[in-house]
Amino acid sequence: MSRFNPATADPEACAAEKASAKKAGNPDWENACKDMDFVVIIKPNDEATYKNTVDILDEMTINQVKRYAMVKVLPDENALIKATEASNGIK
């Protein structure tokens, strides 16, 4: 059963990716589009350094993550981070 969702990816792009994988001899060519639903959301907070941000973007490249977004951390999320750190003795 394929997890390919045409609402989140171009079906023609998936067909091309499958054809390319099949031509390359990939035995798992039928699953070539499964990663099209995978999205990483990166939310660096105020404590993140430039190096931290570049490092995580490097990891996206190293791990061949095709879809990712960098967005701002919401105030409620920052409060949750601080509460979690406080309850675990961090900071």
Protein backbone atom coordinates (compact mmCIF):
# COMPACT_ATOMS: atom_id res chain seq x y z
CA MET A 1 0.00 0.00 0.00
CA SER A 2 1.46 3.34 -1.05
CA ARG A 3 1.46 6.31 1.31
CA PHE A 4 1.71 8.71 -1.63
CA ASN A 5 -0.73 11.56 -1.15
CA PRO A 6 -1.39 13.54 -4.34
CA ALA A 7 -2.71 16.43 -2.24
CA THR A 8 0.77 17.06 -0.85
CA ALA A 9 2.92 16.28 -3.87
CA ASP A 10 2.80 16.53 -7.62
CA PRO A 11 1.74 13.12 -9.00
CA GLU A 12 3.84 13.67 -12.12
CA ALA A 13 6.91 14.32 -9.97
CA CYS A 14 6.23 11.06 -8.13
CA ALA A 15 5.88 9.14 -11.36
CA ALA A 16 9.17 10.61 -12.60
CA GLU A 17 10.89 9.75 -9.33
CA LYS A 18 9.62 6.16 -9.49
CA ALA A 19 10.73 5.82 -13.11
CA SER A 20 14.17 7.17 -12.24
CA ALA A 21 14.52 4.78 -9.30
CA LYS A 22 13.38 1.83 -11.44
CA LYS A 23 15.83 2.76 -14.21
CA ALA A 24 18.65 3.01 -11.65
CA GLY A 25 17.87 -0.55 -10.55
CA ASN A 26 16.57 0.35 -7.10
CA PRO A 27 14.72 -2.78 -5.89
CA ASP A 28 12.45 -0.59 -3.75
CA TRP A 29 11.45 1.70 -6.63
CA GLU A 30 7.73 1.37 -5.88
CA ASN A 31 8.29 3.18 -2.56
CA ALA A 32 10.27 6.04 -4.08
CA CYS A 33 7.62 8.64 -3.20
CA LYS A 34 6.93 7.73 0.41
CA ASP A 35 9.19 10.49 1.70
CA MET A 36 7.14 13.17 -0.09
CA ASP A 37 4.79 13.37 2.92
CA PHE A 38 7.71 13.85 5.32
CA VAL A 39 8.17 17.47 6.42
CA VAL A 40 10.51 18.78 9.13
CA ILE A 41 9.56 21.98 10.92
CA ILE A 42 12.55 23.82 12.41
CA LYS A 43 11.81 26.33 15.16
CA PRO A 44 14.98 27.98 16.48
CA ASN A 45 14.22 29.99 19.62
CA ASP A 46 15.97 33.08 20.99
CA GLU A 47 18.69 30.95 22.58
CA ALA A 48 19.64 29.30 19.28
CA THR A 49 22.92 30.48 17.84
CA TYR A 50 23.69 31.02 14.18
CA LYS A 51 25.86 27.89 14.35
CA ASN A 52 22.94 25.84 15.74
CA THR A 53 20.76 26.96 12.86
CA VAL A 54 23.39 26.24 10.21
CA ASP A 55 24.08 22.83 11.79
CA ILE A 56 20.43 21.79 11.59
CA LEU A 57 20.21 22.98 7.98
CA ASP A 58 23.32 20.90 7.25
CA GLU A 59 21.57 17.90 8.80
CA MET A 60 18.63 18.41 6.43
CA THR A 61 21.07 18.15 3.51
CA ILE A 62 23.04 15.22 4.95
CA ASN A 63 19.85 13.24 5.58
CA GLN A 64 18.36 14.21 2.22
CA VAL A 65 15.27 15.80 3.75
CA LYS A 66 13.47 17.24 0.76
CA ARG A 67 10.87 19.34 2.54
CA TYR A 68 11.52 21.49 5.57
CA ALA A 69 10.44 24.86 6.89
CA MET A 70 11.97 27.28 9.35
CA VAL A 71 9.33 29.14 11.35
CA LYS A 72 9.18 31.32 14.45
CA VAL A 73 8.53 29.79 17.84
CA LEU A 74 5.19 30.86 19.28
CA PRO A 75 5.10 32.42 22.78
CA ASP A 76 3.13 29.44 24.14
CA GLU A 77 5.75 27.05 22.79
CA ASN A 78 8.54 29.09 24.41
CA ALA A 79 6.68 28.95 27.73
CA LEU A 80 6.34 25.17 27.39
CA ILE A 81 10.07 24.82 26.67
CA LYS A 82 10.97 26.89 29.72
CA ALA A 83 8.53 24.97 31.95
CA THR A 84 9.90 21.63 30.74
CA GLU A 85 13.49 22.76 31.32
CA ALA A 86 12.62 24.03 34.81
CA SER A 87 10.87 20.79 35.80
CA ASN A 88 13.87 18.77 34.60
CA GLY A 89 16.44 20.90 36.39
CA ILE A 90 17.81 22.51 33.25
CA LYS A 91 18.57 26.18 33.81
